[in-house]
Amino acid sequence: MNVKLRRLIAFIIDFYISILPPIFIFTFLSTFLQSEALITIILFLTIIFALGAFIARDVIFKGRSLGKRILALYVYDKNSLTQASKKQCFLRNIFLCIYLVDGIILLATSETIGDRVAGTLVTSKQGLDSYTNKIQDSAPTPKQKKVTKVVLVIAIIIVVLAIFSGLIQTVLNTQKDTEEYKVAYSYLVKSQAFKELNTDESKIRFNKYSSSTYTSENSNSVTQTVKIGFVVNFQSFEVICHKENDVWQVCDKCTLFE
């Protein structure tokens, strides 16, 4: 069995070992919870824990995850050809967010983006001898090094954007259980502007939630305001709600759909 196939099998083994236990725990806990917002928060924490365990799997198992141990694979420092450090093992696994792209690159070049960034090599002991002989015969040109750096920068940007987008969407989802969101959503669906789009509610995307509090100097009354944004067929809609007498209401004067 070649190294590429062994790495893919090891990846699958590590993935299920890291992901399945937290998912089972979440499924068990969610049966006792009634609040959608609380379930969303616990799901978010479960995902973070599972991803953390997957990213740190090599560090946890002293440089060799369970999948690698089963498939007799090792993680080496590409320069010194010695066992990779904990920092390298952690860094190379951060690119899980684009694992599909990473998998294609692995099949095409025998290296993942994480390997290129961390300067690591994953192979068997026999494969290490072959690699040593190979690098003695060939060295990357300055042009190849430049292309590699550009690819790595693009990959890092994609990873950061994916993580940031996922976090924003998770935070927004926790707001969908609130009274103000339901009021704003109902207002949008019943509005003439939405009806003129001649579309259905499945096209509505929740993309913004911001809140502020205003205290009147004269009466010391407190007014809470939220701005809830939606996108429908690439058109943006913003609904502004005020909380009066502990009840959320849409501000018709403030909410104007053009």
Foldseek 3Di string as FASTA:
>chain_A
DAFLVLVVQLLVVLLCVLQVVLVVVLVVVVVVDDFPLVSLVSVVVSVVRSLVCSLQQCVVVVQAHPSCVVSQKGKAQQPVRHGADSVLSNQLSLLPLPVVVQSVCCVVPVHGLSCLVSRIHMDHPVVSVVVVVVVVVDDDDPVRVVVNVVVSVVSVVVSVVSVVVVVQVSVQSSCCRDQQNVQQLVCCCPDPVNVVVVDDPVQKDWRDKDKDWDADPPPRDIKIKMWTWIAGPNDIFIWIWIQDPNHIHTDPVVGDDD
